[in-house]
Amino acid sequence: MPAAAPTRVVVAPQSFKGSADAVAVASAIARGVRRALPDASVEEMPLADGGEGTVRALVRATKGTLRAARVRDPLLREIRAEWGVLGDGTTAIVEMAAASGLPLLTALERDPRITSTRGTGELILAAAASGAHRIVIGIGGSATNDGGAGMARAIGYRFLDAEGNDLPEGGAALASLARIDGQTDPRLVRPAIEVACDVRNPLLGPEGASAIYGPQKGATPEVVAELDRALARYADVIEGFVGRSIRDVPGSGAAGGLGAGLLAFLDARLVSGADLVLRAVDFTKHLKGAGLVITGEGRIDRQSGFGKLTGAVAAAARRAGIPVAGVAGSVGPGHEALSLDAIAVASDGVSIAQAMADPLPLIERAAERVVHAALDRTH
C-alpha cells in the first residue's frame, strides 16, 4: 500500500455463525472503517459459503432481486422460501437450507428417517421456470438424509418398491427401493447447475452422509446404520438407472446425500463453495482500485485457509496485490496461515457468550482497530 491511506476499501465477510448474518457483519465492519477512514469509499460485499444466508448475501452483493416460492419443508408442510436472481439477470441462486434446512425443525422434529428434500426440488423448479440460464445451489445446513430422492420427486421422478408402489418420503424408505421411473422436468434441461459443496464425503460408509452428518440431524447409532443401508440400496438402483457410478464421487455425501441426487438427476457440477461464490459476484472486478480488503468470520483458524470463504477472499486480494485484514469473533490455531496483514478479534476483553449476544458493536470497534493496524504495518 502506498504511504497514503486507502481511498477505497472492500468489506467482504461471511456470517458470524450463531451470532450475526453476513449483511449485518459487513455493515458493522463498514461503520468501523468509516470511523477510522472518514474519507474512504467503502464497498460492502457480504458473502456466504452455500449455507443459510447465501441467497441474501449474493443478491445484495450483485444488486440482484429476491424472490419467493411456496414449497414444502422437511416434513412436507407448506412454507414460503426465498431464492434470488443475481445482478446479471440470468443466474438464479437457491439454498437448500431455505426449504430443507435444520432450522426449520424443532429439536423434537429432527428425524432423518422421514425428512425430505422435496422442497429443495420445488425451489430449483421455481428458479428454472424463471428462465435462468444458470442455477447455483447452496447445500449447507440440511435436515435430511434422503439422498436427494425428495428433490428428484419434485422434478419428475418416482421411487417404487417391488410391488410398484410409491415409497414414502425420507431416507429410511429407500431400503425398499426397487426401481425408478420418470425423467427430468423439461424446464431443467437448459440451465447449467452448479452446486456449492465444500465437503468431500462419499455417499456411504464411515465417512459418508449418514455416519458423519446423521447425528446432528437426530440419528442415533442404530438409525445411522439403518440410513447407511438404505442409501446403499438407493445407490445400487440409481447407478443402474443413470448408468454411472455416483456413490464414491467426492461430495456425493453432502447434505444427506443430496450431492448424489443432484449428480444423478440433474447432471450437476459440484464445485468449491468459496470459489463459486467469488465467481458469482465477480469478486476480482470489485477489487480494482481498492487499497484494502477486510474479510472475516466467527472463528478464523487453520480451516479458514482450506477452501473456506475467508481464505479464498484473502488469496484473491493477495493475487491482486492488495493488503488484506481480518475481523474475527475469535481465532484458533493455524490462523497465521492466512498471512493477513492485520487481524482484530471482536471478543477481546469480553466473554464469548457476551460477544455472541451483542456482536455488532464489538465487530465495529474491531474493524476500526484492524484498519489502524493494517495501516501501521503497510506504511
Foldseek 3Di string as FASTA:
>chain_A
DPLDAAQEEEEEAAEQPLFGGQVLLQVLLVLLVCVQPVRHHYHGQYAYQQAPPHQVRQCVLQVWDKDWDFFAAQQGDTDIFIWTDGNVRQETEEELCRHFAPVVDDPVPQDQQATASLRVLVVVVVSLVSVHQAYEYRYPGGSYQQLCPNSLVNFWKFFAAPVRDGFHHGQLSLLRTDAMDTAGHPSLPRHAYEYAFAFFAFCADCRAQLNPPVVVRPDDPVRSVSSRSSVVSVQVHLCVVQVHHQRNGGRCRGNNRSNSVCCRHRVHHYDHSQVVRCVSSVVLVVCPSTQEYEYEYAEQEQVCCPSHNNLVVLVSCVVVVHAYEYEYCYYDYHSCVSVHLYYFHLCPPHDSVVCSHPPSNSSSNRSNVRSVSSSVSPD
